[in-house]
PDB file of N, CA and C in Angstrom:
ATOM      1  N   MET A   1       0.807  -0.657  -0.300  1.00  0.00           N
ATOM      2  CA  MET A   1       0.097  -0.014  -0.092  1.00  0.00           C
ATOM      3  C   MET A   1       0.960   1.220  -0.198  1.00  0.00           C
ATOM      4  N   LYS A   2       1.980   1.237   0.643  1.00  0.00           N
ATOM      5  CA  LYS A   2       2.929   2.540   0.619  1.00  0.00           C
ATOM      6  C   LYS A   2       3.408   3.166  -0.520  1.00  0.00           C
ATOM      7  N   SER A   3       3.877   2.108  -1.357  1.00  0.00           N
ATOM      8  CA  SER A   3       4.682   2.154  -2.481  1.00  0.00           C
ATOM      9  C   SER A   3       3.523   2.657  -3.448  1.00  0.00           C
ATOM     10  N   ASN A   4       1.992   2.241  -3.426  1.00  0.00           N
ATOM     11  CA  ASN A   4       1.239   3.045  -4.415  1.00  0.00           C
ATOM     12  C   ASN A   4       1.155   4.084  -4.342  1.00  0.00           C
ATOM     13  N   ASN A   5       1.218   4.498  -2.275  1.00  0.00           N
ATOM     14  CA  ASN A   5       0.859   6.193  -2.108  1.00  0.00           C
ATOM     15  C   ASN A   5       2.276   7.230  -2.618  1.00  0.00           C
ATOM     16  N   ILE A   6       3.630   6.543  -2.225  1.00  0.00           N
ATOM     17  CA  ILE A   6       4.450   7.177  -2.840  1.00  0.00           C
ATOM     18  C   ILE A   6       4.630   7.523  -4.765  1.00  0.00           C
ATOM     19  N   LEU A   7       3.580   6.234  -5.231  1.00  0.00           N
ATOM     20  CA  LEU A   7       4.122   6.760  -6.765  1.00  0.00           C
ATOM     21  C   LEU A   7       2.753   7.693  -6.856  1.00  0.00           C
ATOM     22  N   TYR A   8       2.014   8.041  -6.216  1.00  0.00           N
ATOM     23  CA  TYR A   8       1.039   9.294  -6.664  1.00  0.00           C
ATOM     24  C   TYR A   8       1.759  10.458  -5.869  1.00  0.00           C
ATOM     25  N   VAL A   9       2.720  10.614  -4.889  1.00  0.00           N
ATOM     26  CA  VAL A   9       3.292  11.616  -4.993  1.00  0.00           C
ATOM     27  C   VAL A   9       4.186  12.088  -6.004  1.00  0.00           C
ATOM     28  N   TYR A  10       4.601  10.870  -6.813  1.00  0.00           N
ATOM     29  CA  TYR A  10       5.946  11.433  -7.721  1.00  0.00           C
ATOM     30  C   TYR A  10       5.240  11.870  -8.614  1.00  0.00           C
ATOM     31  N   MET A  11       3.769  11.378  -9.168  1.00  0.00           N
ATOM     32  CA  MET A  11       2.856  11.586  -9.860  1.00  0.00           C
ATOM     33  C   MET A  11       2.685  12.623 -10.248  1.00  0.00           C
ATOM     34  N   ILE A  12       1.984  13.435  -8.915  1.00  0.00           N
ATOM     35  CA  ILE A  12       1.541  14.684  -8.563  1.00  0.00           C
ATOM     36  C   ILE A  12       2.608  15.764  -8.874  1.00  0.00           C
ATOM     37  N   ALA A  13       3.838  15.308  -8.157  1.00  0.00           N
ATOM     38  CA  ALA A  13       4.930  16.564  -8.366  1.00  0.00           C
ATOM     39  C   ALA A  13       5.845  16.717  -9.706  1.00  0.00           C
ATOM     40  N   VAL A  14       5.372  15.868 -10.053  1.00  0.00           N
ATOM     41  CA  VAL A  14       5.853  15.568 -11.770  1.00  0.00           C
ATOM     42  C   VAL A  14       4.938  16.391 -12.776  1.00  0.00           C
ATOM     43  N   SER A  15       3.770  16.333 -12.653  1.00  0.00           N
ATOM     44  CA  SER A  15       2.477  17.260 -13.250  1.00  0.00           C
ATOM     45  C   SER A  15       2.473  18.651 -12.497  1.00  0.00           C
ATOM     46  N   LEU A  16       2.640  19.135 -11.531  1.00  0.00           N
ATOM     47  CA  LEU A  16       3.110  19.960 -11.139  1.00  0.00           C
ATOM     48  C   LEU A  16       4.070  20.942 -11.446  1.00  0.00           C
ATOM     49  N   GLY A  17       5.503  20.089 -11.639  1.00  0.00           N
ATOM     50  CA  GLY A  17       6.657  20.953 -11.981  1.00  0.00           C
ATOM     51  C   GLY A  17       6.384  21.542 -13.694  1.00  0.00           C
ATOM     52  N   VAL A  18       5.846  20.221 -14.446  1.00  0.00           N
ATOM     53  CA  VAL A  18       5.704  20.995 -15.827  1.00  0.00           C
ATOM     54  C   VAL A  18       4.592  22.290 -15.822  1.00  0.00           C
ATOM     55  N   PHE A  19       3.938  22.628 -14.845  1.00  0.00           N
ATOM     56  CA  PHE A  19       2.874  23.708 -14.847  1.00  0.00           C
ATOM     57  C   PHE A  19       3.852  24.706 -13.951  1.00  0.00           C
ATOM     58  N   VAL A  20       4.514  24.612 -13.732  1.00  0.00           N
ATOM     59  CA  VAL A  20       5.600  25.380 -12.970  1.00  0.00           C
ATOM     60  C   VAL A  20       6.052  26.077 -13.214  1.00  0.00           C
ATOM     61  N   ALA A  21       6.962  25.095 -14.454  1.00  0.00           N
ATOM     62  CA  ALA A  21       8.063  25.756 -15.369  1.00  0.00           C
ATOM     63  C   ALA A  21       7.322  26.876 -16.524  1.00  0.00           C
ATOM     64  N   SER A  22       6.444  26.677 -16.726  1.00  0.00           N
ATOM     65  CA  SER A  22       5.919  27.471 -17.675  1.00  0.00           C
ATOM     66  C   SER A  22       5.045  28.832 -16.937  1.00  0.00           C
ATOM     67  N   ALA A  23       4.974  28.803 -15.709  1.00  0.00           N
ATOM     68  CA  ALA A  23       4.074  30.017 -14.691  1.00  0.00           C
ATOM     69  C   ALA A  23       5.656  30.763 -14.556  1.00  0.00           C
ATOM     70  N   TYR A  24       6.878  30.314 -14.507  1.00  0.00           N
ATOM     71  CA  TYR A  24       7.975  30.719 -14.272  1.00  0.00           C
ATOM     72  C   TYR A  24       7.960  31.456 -15.228  1.00  0.00           C
ATOM     73  N   VAL A  25       8.387  31.183 -16.314  1.00  0.00           N
ATOM     74  CA  VAL A  25       8.705  31.992 -17.691  1.00  0.00           C
ATOM     75  C   VAL A  25       7.699  33.013 -17.354  1.00  0.00           C
ATOM     76  N   SER A  26       6.385  32.603 -17.540  1.00  0.00           N
ATOM     77  CA  SER A  26       5.355  34.182 -18.005  1.00  0.00           C
ATOM     78  C   SER A  26       5.415  34.963 -17.044  1.00  0.00           C
ATOM     79  N   GLY A  27       6.015  34.662 -15.732  1.00  0.00           N
ATOM     80  CA  GLY A  27       6.006  35.655 -14.797  1.00  0.00           C
ATOM     81  C   GLY A  27       7.058  36.557 -15.212  1.00  0.00           C
ATOM     82  N   ILE A  28       8.435  35.945 -15.259  1.00  0.00           N
ATOM     83  CA  ILE A  28       9.435  36.865 -15.813  1.00  0.00           C
ATOM     84  C   ILE A  28       8.893  37.979 -16.909  1.00  0.00           C
ATOM     85  N   GLN A  29       8.062  37.290 -17.902  1.00  0.00           N
ATOM     86  CA  GLN A  29       7.874  38.319 -18.811  1.00  0.00           C
ATOM     87  C   GLN A  29       6.986  39.325 -18.242  1.00  0.00           C
ATOM     88  N   ILE A  30       5.593  39.316 -17.348  1.00  0.00           N
ATOM     89  CA  ILE A  30       4.688  39.937 -17.137  1.00  0.00           C
ATOM     90  C   ILE A  30       5.518  40.918 -16.085  1.00  0.00           C
ATOM     91  N   GLY A  31       6.858  40.402 -15.232  1.00  0.00           N
ATOM     92  CA  GLY A  31       7.448  41.628 -14.399  1.00  0.00           C
ATOM     93  C   GLY A  31       8.482  42.417 -15.375  1.00  0.00           C
ATOM     94  N   ILE A  32       8.882  41.972 -16.438  1.00  0.00           N
ATOM     95  CA  ILE A  32       9.990  42.934 -17.219  1.00  0.00           C
ATOM     96  C   ILE A  32       8.593  43.878 -18.271  1.00  0.00           C
ATOM     97  N   GLU A  33       7.678  43.267 -18.308  1.00  0.00           N
ATOM     98  CA  GLU A  33       6.859  44.117 -18.818  1.00  0.00           C
ATOM     99  C   GLU A  33       6.558  45.406 -17.722  1.00  0.00           C
ATOM    100  N   ILE A  34       6.108  45.093 -16.556  1.00  0.00           N
ATOM    101  CA  ILE A  34       5.715  46.238 -15.558  1.00  0.00           C
ATOM    102  C   ILE A  34       6.851  47.054 -15.059  1.00  0.00           C
ATOM    103  N   LEU A  35       8.071  46.835 -15.653  1.00  0.00           N
ATOM    104  CA  LEU A  35       9.179  47.659 -14.713  1.00  0.00           C
ATOM    105  C   LEU A  35      10.051  47.956 -15.993  1.00  0.00           C
ATOM    106  N   TYR A  36       9.254  48.547 -16.797  1.00  0.00           N
ATOM    107  CA  TYR A  36       9.787  48.562 -18.630  1.00  0.00           C
ATOM    108  C   TYR A  36      10.834  49.511 -18.982  1.00  0.00           C
ATOM    109  N   PRO A  37      11.304  50.594 -17.806  1.00  0.00           N
ATOM    110  CA  PRO A  37      11.919  51.566 -18.390  1.00  0.00           C
ATOM    111  C   PRO A  37      13.327  50.940 -17.755  1.00  0.00           C
ATOM    112  N   ILE A  38      13.301  49.962 -16.806  1.00  0.00           N
ATOM    113  CA  ILE A  38      14.225  49.042 -16.612  1.00  0.00           C
ATOM    114  C   ILE A  38      14.570  48.018 -17.448  1.00  0.00           C
ATOM    115  N   SER A  39      16.222  47.755 -17.870  1.00  0.00           N
ATOM    116  CA  SER A  39      16.393  47.014 -18.941  1.00  0.00           C
ATOM    117  C   SER A  39      16.139  46.028 -18.385  1.00  0.00           C
ATOM    118  N   GLU A  40      15.836  44.766 -19.533  1.00  0.00           N
ATOM    119  CA  GLU A  40      15.003  43.450 -19.256  1.00  0.00           C
ATOM    120  C   GLU A  40      16.183  42.639 -18.433  1.00  0.00           C
ATOM    121  N   ASP A  41      17.710  42.447 -18.941  1.00  0.00           N
ATOM    122  CA  ASP A  41      18.279  42.160 -18.045  1.00  0.00           C
ATOM    123  C   ASP A  41      18.814  41.910 -16.793  1.00  0.00           C
ATOM    124  N   LYS A  42      18.498  43.491 -16.264  1.00  0.00           N
ATOM    125  CA  LYS A  42      18.510  43.747 -15.080  1.00  0.00           C
ATOM    126  C   LYS A  42      17.083  43.125 -14.188  1.00  0.00           C
ATOM    127  N   CYS A  43      16.089  43.169 -14.556  1.00  0.00           N
ATOM    128  CA  CYS A  43      14.497  43.331 -14.247  1.00  0.00           C
ATOM    129  C   CYS A  43      14.657  41.141 -14.166  1.00  0.00           C
ATOM    130  N   SER A  44      15.106  40.684 -14.797  1.00  0.00           N
ATOM    131  CA  SER A  44      15.469  39.411 -14.642  1.00  0.00           C
ATOM    132  C   SER A  44      16.352  38.942 -13.788  1.00  0.00           C
ATOM    133  N   ALA A  45      17.686  39.391 -14.032  1.00  0.00           N
ATOM    134  CA  ALA A  45      18.363  39.022 -12.850  1.00  0.00           C
ATOM    135  C   ALA A  45      17.774  38.968 -11.060  1.00  0.00           C
ATOM    136  N   VAL A  46      17.578  40.219 -11.135  1.00  0.00           N
ATOM    137  CA  VAL A  46      16.954  40.791  -9.720  1.00  0.00           C
ATOM    138  C   VAL A  46      15.697  39.858  -9.293  1.00  0.00           C
ATOM    139  N   MET A  47      14.610  39.661 -10.123  1.00  0.00           N
ATOM    140  CA  MET A  47      13.620  38.964 -10.187  1.00  0.00           C
ATOM    141  C   MET A  47      13.826  36.878  -9.594  1.00  0.00           C
ATOM    142  N   ILE A  48      14.697  36.924 -10.575  1.00  0.00           N
ATOM    143  CA  ILE A  48      15.404  35.397 -10.366  1.00  0.00           C
ATOM    144  C   ILE A  48      16.548  35.290  -8.624  1.00  0.00           C
ATOM    145  N   PHE A  49      16.755  36.529  -8.682  1.00  0.00           N
ATOM    146  CA  PHE A  49      17.579  36.330  -7.265  1.00  0.00           C
ATOM    147  C   PHE A  49      16.851  36.406  -6.082  1.00  0.00           C
ATOM    148  N   VAL A  50      15.731  37.268  -6.291  1.00  0.00           N
ATOM    149  CA  VAL A  50      14.475  37.506  -5.183  1.00  0.00           C
ATOM    150  C   VAL A  50      13.569  36.079  -5.238  1.00  0.00           C
ATOM    151  N   ALA A  51      13.642  35.653  -6.361  1.00  0.00           N
ATOM    152  CA  ALA A  51      12.339  34.383  -6.115  1.00  0.00           C
ATOM    153  C   ALA A  51      13.171  33.243  -5.521  1.00  0.00           C
ATOM    154  N   GLN A  52      14.622  32.906  -5.743  1.00  0.00           N
ATOM    155  CA  GLN A  52      16.062  31.824  -4.980  1.00  0.00           C
ATOM    156  C   GLN A  52      15.917  32.176  -3.769  1.00  0.00           C
ATOM    157  N   SER A  53      16.424  33.015  -3.728  1.00  0.00           N
ATOM    158  CA  SER A  53      16.506  33.455  -1.904  1.00  0.00           C
ATOM    159  C   SER A  53      14.717  33.707  -0.980  1.00  0.00           C
ATOM    160  N   PHE A  54      13.981  33.550  -2.015  1.00  0.00           N
ATOM    161  CA  PHE A  54      12.629  33.579  -1.212  1.00  0.00           C
ATOM    162  C   PHE A  54      12.386  31.922  -1.023  1.00  0.00           C
ATOM    163  N   ALA A  55      12.828  31.202  -1.920  1.00  0.00           N
ATOM    164  CA  ALA A  55      12.614  29.764  -1.966  1.00  0.00           C
ATOM    165  C   ALA A  55      12.998  28.694  -0.638  1.00  0.00           C
ATOM    166  N   CYS A  56      14.797  29.593  -1.007  1.00  0.00           N
ATOM    167  CA  CYS A  56      15.793  29.594   0.154  1.00  0.00           C
ATOM    168  C   CYS A  56      14.841  29.318   1.804  1.00  0.00           C
ATOM    169  N   ILE A  57      14.436  30.605   1.626  1.00  0.00           N
ATOM    170  CA  ILE A  57      14.061  31.386   2.986  1.00  0.00           C
ATOM    171  C   ILE A  57      12.693  30.239   3.127  1.00  0.00           C
ATOM    172  N   PHE A  58      11.569  30.180   2.497  1.00  0.00           N
ATOM    173  CA  PHE A  58      10.670  29.162   2.449  1.00  0.00           C
ATOM    174  C   PHE A  58      10.873  27.704   3.092  1.00  0.00           C
ATOM    175  N   LEU A  59      12.202  27.294   2.340  1.00  0.00           N
ATOM    176  CA  LEU A  59      12.159  26.109   2.498  1.00  0.00           C
ATOM    177  C   LEU A  59      12.779  26.042   3.825  1.00  0.00           C
ATOM    178  N   ALA A  60      13.460  26.364   4.486  1.00  0.00           N
ATOM    179  CA  ALA A  60      14.132  26.311   5.739  1.00  0.00           C
ATOM    180  C   ALA A  60      12.947  26.753   6.758  1.00  0.00           C
ATOM    181  N   ILE A  61      12.040  27.935   6.491  1.00  0.00           N
ATOM    182  CA  ILE A  61      10.429  27.507   7.271  1.00  0.00           C
ATOM    183  C   ILE A  61       9.761  26.562   7.189  1.00  0.00           C
ATOM    184  N   TYR A  62       9.822  26.139   6.256  1.00  0.00           N
ATOM    185  CA  TYR A  62       8.929  24.423   6.247  1.00  0.00           C
ATOM    186  C   TYR A  62       9.817  23.320   6.796  1.00  0.00           C
ATOM    187  N   GLY A  63      10.751  23.587   6.681  1.00  0.00           N
ATOM    188  CA  GLY A  63      11.789  22.302   7.538  1.00  0.00           C
ATOM    189  C   GLY A  63      11.617  22.922   8.865  1.00  0.00           C
ATOM    190  N   VAL A  64      11.666  23.963   9.726  1.00  0.00           N
ATOM    191  CA  VAL A  64      11.667  23.908  10.966  1.00  0.00           C
ATOM    192  C   VAL A  64      10.004  23.762  11.290  1.00  0.00           C
ATOM    193  N   ILE A  65       9.217  24.101  10.813  1.00  0.00           N
ATOM    194  CA  ILE A  65       7.339  23.719  10.985  1.00  0.00           C
ATOM    195  C   ILE A  65       7.100  22.447  10.846  1.00  0.00           C
ATOM    196  N   LEU A  66       7.712  21.700   9.975  1.00  0.00           N
ATOM    197  CA  LEU A  66       7.492  19.918   9.958  1.00  0.00           C
ATOM    198  C   LEU A  66       8.466  19.504  11.110  1.00  0.00           C
ATOM    199  N   ARG A  67       9.451  19.706  11.361  1.00  0.00           N
ATOM    200  CA  ARG A  67      10.268  18.895  12.604  1.00  0.00           C
ATOM    201  C   ARG A  67       9.189  19.435  13.861  1.00  0.00           C
ATOM    202  N   ASN A  68       8.845  20.366  14.148  1.00  0.00           N
ATOM    203  CA  ASN A  68       8.099  21.068  15.266  1.00  0.00           C
ATOM    204  C   ASN A  68       6.817  20.400  15.421  1.00  0.00           C
ATOM    205  N   TYR A  69       6.116  20.817  14.397  1.00  0.00           N
ATOM    206  CA  TYR A  69       4.996  20.298  14.594  1.00  0.00           C
ATOM    207  C   TYR A  69       3.617  19.582  13.372  1.00  0.00           C
ATOM    208  N   GLY A  70       4.950  18.745  12.731  1.00  0.00           N
ATOM    209  CA  GLY A  70       4.591  17.662  12.119  1.00  0.00           C
ATOM    210  C   GLY A  70       3.898  18.283  10.380  1.00  0.00           C
ATOM    211  N   ASP A  71       3.519  17.270   9.825  1.00  0.00           N
ATOM    212  CA  ASP A  71       2.852  16.983   8.074  1.00  0.00           C
ATOM    213  C   ASP A  71       2.390  18.237   7.909  1.00  0.00           C
ATOM    214  N   ILE A  72       1.267  17.704   8.549  1.00  0.00           N
ATOM    215  CA  ILE A  72      -0.524  18.496   8.291  1.00  0.00           C
ATOM    216  C   ILE A  72       0.144  20.041   8.519  1.00  0.00           C
ATOM    217  N   VAL A  73       0.580  20.463   9.528  1.00  0.00           N
ATOM    218  CA  VAL A  73       0.694  21.854   9.940  1.00  0.00           C
ATOM    219  C   VAL A  73       1.790  22.776   8.679  1.00  0.00           C
ATOM    220  N   ALA A  74       2.551  21.698   8.355  1.00  0.00           N
ATOM    221  CA  ALA A  74       3.808  22.263   7.443  1.00  0.00           C
ATOM    222  C   ALA A  74       3.113  21.964   6.008  1.00  0.00           C
ATOM    223  N   ASN A  75       2.047  21.101   5.330  1.00  0.00           N
ATOM    224  CA  ASN A  75       1.599  21.749   4.299  1.00  0.00           C
ATOM    225  C   ASN A  75       0.674  22.472   4.215  1.00  0.00           C
ATOM    226  N   SER A  76      -0.090  22.824   5.092  1.00  0.00           N
ATOM    227  CA  SER A  76      -1.143  23.726   5.383  1.00  0.00           C
ATOM    228  C   SER A  76      -0.373  25.482   5.209  1.00  0.00           C
ATOM    229  N   PHE A  77       0.830  25.411   6.020  1.00  0.00           N
ATOM    230  CA  PHE A  77       1.388  26.243   5.856  1.00  0.00           C
ATOM    231  C   PHE A  77       2.176  26.849   4.237  1.00  0.00           C
ATOM    232  N   VAL A  78       2.167  25.751   3.382  1.00  0.00           N
ATOM    233  CA  VAL A  78       2.525  25.763   2.092  1.00  0.00           C
ATOM    234  C   VAL A  78       1.229  26.505   1.364  1.00  0.00           C
ATOM    235  N   CYS A  79       0.599  25.386   1.666  1.00  0.00           N
ATOM    236  CA  CYS A  79      -1.154  25.902   1.030  1.00  0.00           C
ATOM    237  C   CYS A  79      -1.552  27.201   1.301  1.00  0.00           C
ATOM    238  N   ILE A  80      -1.363  27.972   2.325  1.00  0.00           N
ATOM    239  CA  ILE A  80      -1.912  28.944   2.582  1.00  0.00           C
ATOM    240  C   ILE A  80      -1.041  29.924   2.024  1.00  0.00           C
ATOM    241  N   PHE A  81       0.345  29.929   1.878  1.00  0.00           N
ATOM    242  CA  PHE A  81       1.318  30.944   1.182  1.00  0.00           C
ATOM    243  C   PHE A  81       0.759  30.273   0.112  1.00  0.00           C
ATOM    244  N   THR A  82       0.737  29.935  -0.668  1.00  0.00           N
ATOM    245  CA  THR A  82       0.457  29.462  -1.811  1.00  0.00           C
ATOM    246  C   THR A  82      -0.790  30.219  -2.606  1.00  0.00           C
ATOM    247  N   PHE A  83      -2.035  30.182  -1.868  1.00  0.00           N
ATOM    248  CA  PHE A  83      -2.762  30.566  -1.904  1.00  0.00           C
ATOM    249  C   PHE A  83      -3.141  32.169  -2.459  1.00  0.00           C
ATOM    250  N   ALA A  84      -2.396  32.444  -1.397  1.00  0.00           N
ATOM    251  CA  ALA A  84      -2.552  33.954  -1.152  1.00  0.00           C
ATOM    252  C   ALA A  84      -0.902  34.782  -2.100  1.00  0.00           C
ATOM    253  N   GLY A  85      -0.255  33.595  -2.283  1.00  0.00           N
ATOM    254  CA  GLY A  85       0.132  34.512  -3.823  1.00  0.00           C
ATOM    255  C   GLY A  85      -0.361  34.859  -5.013  1.00  0.00           C
ATOM    256  N   ALA A  86      -1.436  32.955  -4.791  1.00  0.00           N
ATOM    257  CA  ALA A  86      -2.427  33.157  -6.292  1.00  0.00           C
ATOM    258  C   ALA A  86      -3.338  34.614  -6.044  1.00  0.00           C
ATOM    259  N   VAL A  87      -3.933  34.564  -4.557  1.00  0.00           N
ATOM    260  CA  VAL A  87      -5.042  35.942  -4.487  1.00  0.00           C
ATOM    261  C   VAL A  87      -4.268  37.075  -4.822  1.00  0.00           C
ATOM    262  N   VAL A  88      -2.806  37.529  -4.411  1.00  0.00           N
ATOM    263  CA  VAL A  88      -2.271  38.589  -4.898  1.00  0.00           C
ATOM    264  C   VAL A  88      -2.112  38.850  -6.798  1.00  0.00           C
ATOM    265  N   CYS A  89      -1.464  37.766  -7.261  1.00  0.00           N
ATOM    266  CA  CYS A  89      -1.410  37.629  -8.566  1.00  0.00           C
ATOM    267  C   CYS A  89      -2.685  38.220  -9.571  1.00  0.00           C
ATOM    268  N   PHE A  90      -3.742  37.349  -8.920  1.00  0.00           N
ATOM    269  CA  PHE A  90      -4.936  37.544  -9.743  1.00  0.00           C
ATOM    270  C   PHE A  90      -5.786  39.023  -9.334  1.00  0.00           C
ATOM    271  N   PHE A  91      -5.651  39.411  -8.335  1.00  0.00           N
ATOM    272  CA  PHE A  91      -6.240  40.646  -7.996  1.00  0.00           C
ATOM    273  C   PHE A  91      -5.602  42.228  -8.247  1.00  0.00           C
ATOM    274  N   GLY A  92      -4.046  42.068  -8.402  1.00  0.00           N
ATOM    275  CA  GLY A  92      -3.342  43.015  -8.709  1.00  0.00           C
ATOM    276  C   GLY A  92      -3.535  43.307 -10.082  1.00  0.00           C
ATOM    277  N   PRO A  93      -2.862  44.761 -10.117  1.00  0.00           N
ATOM    278  CA  PRO A  93      -3.124  45.639 -11.078  1.00  0.00           C
ATOM    279  C   PRO A  93      -2.579  45.548 -12.460  1.00  0.00           C
ATOM    280  N   VAL A  94      -2.072  45.389 -13.348  1.00  0.00           N
ATOM    281  CA  VAL A  94      -2.261  44.844 -14.526  1.00  0.00           C
ATOM    282  C   VAL A  94      -1.882  46.384 -15.300  1.00  0.00           C
ATOM    283  N   GLN A  95      -0.347  46.397 -15.373  1.00  0.00           N
ATOM    284  CA  GLN A  95       0.626  47.608 -16.054  1.00  0.00           C
ATOM    285  C   GLN A  95       1.207  46.932 -17.052  1.00  0.00           C
ATOM    286  N   LEU A  96       0.907  47.632 -17.923  1.00  0.00           N
ATOM    287  CA  LEU A  96       1.797  47.152 -19.270  1.00  0.00           C
ATOM    288  C   LEU A  96       2.615  48.032 -20.152  1.00  0.00           C
ATOM    289  N   ASN A  97       3.274  48.075 -19.485  1.00  0.00           N
ATOM    290  CA  ASN A  97       4.411  49.772 -19.522  1.00  0.00           C
ATOM    291  C   ASN A  97       4.703  49.727 -21.285  1.00  0.00           C
ATOM    292  N   ARG A  98       5.596  48.611 -21.305  1.00  0.00           N
ATOM    293  CA  ARG A  98       5.941  48.121 -22.434  1.00  0.00           C
ATOM    294  C   ARG A  98       5.188  48.158 -23.638  1.00  0.00           C
ATOM    295  N   GLN A  99       3.891  47.504 -23.653  1.00  0.00           N
ATOM    296  CA  GLN A  99       3.163  47.792 -24.560  1.00  0.00           C
ATOM    297  C   GLN A  99       2.631  49.205 -24.966  1.00  0.00           C
ATOM    298  N   GLU A 100       2.227  49.949 -24.293  1.00  0.00           N
ATOM    299  CA  GLU A 100       1.921  51.119 -24.195  1.00  0.00           C
ATOM    300  C   GLU A 100       2.724  51.963 -25.212  1.00  0.00           C
ATOM    301  N   ALA A 101       3.896  51.857 -24.591  1.00  0.00           N
ATOM    302  CA  ALA A 101       5.014  52.536 -25.085  1.00  0.00           C
ATOM    303  C   ALA A 101       5.320  52.061 -26.584  1.00  0.00           C
ATOM    304  N   GLU A 102       5.306  50.890 -26.722  1.00  0.00           N
ATOM    305  CA  GLU A 102       5.329  50.559 -28.264  1.00  0.00           C
ATOM    306  C   GLU A 102       4.169  51.285 -29.099  1.00  0.00           C
ATOM    307  N   GLN A 103       2.971  51.331 -28.704  1.00  0.00           N
ATOM    308  CA  GLN A 103       1.999  51.482 -29.339  1.00  0.00           C
ATOM    309  C   GLN A 103       2.115  52.669 -29.425  1.00  0.00           C
ATOM    310  N   ALA A 104       2.503  53.811 -28.265  1.00  0.00           N
ATOM    311  CA  ALA A 104       2.637  55.138 -28.365  1.00  0.00           C
ATOM    312  C   ALA A 104       3.288  55.356 -29.944  1.00  0.00           C
ATOM    313  N   GLY A 105       4.307  54.559 -29.906  1.00  0.00           N
ATOM    314  CA  GLY A 105       5.635  54.895 -30.721  1.00  0.00           C
ATOM    315  C   GLY A 105       5.058  54.755 -32.050  1.00  0.00           C
ATOM    316  N   LYS A 106       4.308  53.543 -32.095  1.00  0.00           N
ATOM    317  CA  LYS A 106       3.760  53.414 -33.432  1.00  0.00           C
ATOM    318  C   LYS A 106       2.808  54.268 -34.238  1.00  0.00           C
ATOM    319  N   VAL A 107       2.127  54.776 -33.235  1.00  0.00           N
ATOM    320  CA  VAL A 107       0.875  56.064 -33.756  1.00  0.00           C
ATOM    321  C   VAL A 107       1.991  56.703 -34.042  1.00  0.00           C
ATOM    322  N   LYS A 108       2.789  56.845 -33.410  1.00  0.00           N
ATOM    323  CA  LYS A 108       3.765  58.523 -33.648  1.00  0.00           C
ATOM    324  C   LYS A 108       4.448  58.632 -34.871  1.00  0.00           C
ATOM    325  N   ASP A 109       5.124  57.088 -35.455  1.00  0.00           N
ATOM    326  CA  ASP A 109       5.830  56.496 -36.576  1.00  0.00           C
ATOM    327  C   ASP A 109       4.803  56.707 -37.573  1.00  0.00           C
ATOM    328  N   THR A 110       3.705  56.237 -37.620  1.00  0.00           N
ATOM    329  CA  THR A 110       2.553  56.084 -38.389  1.00  0.00           C
ATOM    330  C   THR A 110       2.325  57.867 -39.229  1.00  0.00           C
ATOM    331  N   GLU A 111       1.871  58.666 -37.668  1.00  0.00           N
ATOM    332  CA  GLU A 111       1.717  59.407 -38.286  1.00  0.00           C
ATOM    333  C   GLU A 111       2.879  60.392 -38.749  1.00  0.00           C
ATOM    334  N   GLU A 112       4.270  60.117 -38.581  1.00  0.00           N
ATOM    335  CA  GLU A 112       5.152  61.069 -39.695  1.00  0.00           C
ATOM    336  C   GLU A 112       5.659  60.152 -41.096  1.00  0.00           C
ATOM    337  N   CYS A 113       5.076  58.603 -40.897  1.00  0.00           N
ATOM    338  CA  CYS A 113       4.987  58.547 -42.444  1.00  0.00           C
ATOM    339  C   CYS A 113       4.086  58.546 -43.104  1.00  0.00           C
ATOM    340  N   GLN A 114       2.732  59.152 -42.523  1.00  0.00           N
ATOM    341  CA  GLN A 114       1.927  60.057 -43.442  1.00  0.00           C
ATOM    342  C   GLN A 114       2.271  61.354 -43.709  1.00  0.00           C
ATOM    343  N   GLN A 115       2.727  62.224 -42.739  1.00  0.00           N
ATOM    344  CA  GLN A 115       3.639  63.129 -43.420  1.00  0.00           C
ATOM    345  C   GLN A 115       4.443  63.334 -44.940  1.00  0.00           C
ATOM    346  N   MET A 116       5.288  62.186 -44.540  1.00  0.00           N
ATOM    347  CA  MET A 116       6.029  62.513 -45.426  1.00  0.00           C
ATOM    348  C   MET A 116       5.523  61.926 -46.694  1.00  0.00           C
ATOM    349  N   VAL A 117       4.320  60.673 -46.609  1.00  0.00           N
ATOM    350  CA  VAL A 117       3.370  60.801 -47.915  1.00  0.00           C
ATOM    351  C   VAL A 117       3.168  61.986 -48.589  1.00  0.00           C
ATOM    352  N   ASN A 118       2.951  62.303 -47.768  1.00  0.00           N
ATOM    353  CA  ASN A 118       2.169  63.774 -48.156  1.00  0.00           C
ATOM    354  C   ASN A 118       2.486  64.666 -48.575  1.00  0.00           C
ATOM    355  N   LEU A 119       3.817  64.982 -47.998  1.00  0.00           N
ATOM    356  CA  LEU A 119       5.155  65.698 -48.856  1.00  0.00           C
ATOM    357  C   LEU A 119       5.638  65.156 -50.413  1.00  0.00           C
ATOM    358  N   LYS A 120       5.158  63.900 -50.216  1.00  0.00           N
ATOM    359  CA  LYS A 120       6.032  63.416 -51.587  1.00  0.00           C
ATOM    360  C   LYS A 120       5.110  63.383 -52.587  1.00  0.00           C
ATOM    361  N   VAL A 121       3.965  63.496 -52.481  1.00  0.00           N
ATOM    362  CA  VAL A 121       2.361  63.572 -53.185  1.00  0.00           C
ATOM    363  C   VAL A 121       2.314  65.251 -53.264  1.00  0.00           C
ATOM    364  N   ALA A 122       2.540  66.091 -52.606  1.00  0.00           N
ATOM    365  CA  ALA A 122       2.173  67.169 -52.643  1.00  0.00           C
ATOM    366  C   ALA A 122       3.527  67.717 -53.981  1.00  0.00           C
ATOM    367  N   LYS A 123       4.971  67.171 -53.803  1.00  0.00           N
ATOM    368  CA  LYS A 123       5.914  67.340 -54.815  1.00  0.00           C
ATOM    369  C   LYS A 123       6.023  67.111 -56.281  1.00  0.00           C
ATOM    370  N   HIS A 124       5.180  66.138 -56.582  1.00  0.00           N
ATOM    371  CA  HIS A 124       4.468  65.704 -57.817  1.00  0.00           C
ATOM    372  C   HIS A 124       3.336  66.415 -58.137  1.00  0.00           C
TER     373      HIS A 124
END
């Protein structure tokens, strides 16, 4: 019976790992989008550093809770913080600074191109 339980744990861990990997990339892209005037390499480096630091601290706290209070309390701690993070992500404001700047630039470029076309037509 125990070998079947560990098989379920491995299957769930693998399936969650697949989805977390794709969410990680999306999170980096959204972070770069929000912090637009700052260059992409600085944004991504700081976000990766903070994420790894948070993971180390979180795992240390999880280990302390697991040793002192047991697995139910430790896993509840993980579930609560995961849910809190999802709520913050879901209800957080979305600022698409890079996209807005690109659209403003395209509008400006389009107007300049139209003026140049009008000048060429006027000369002929």
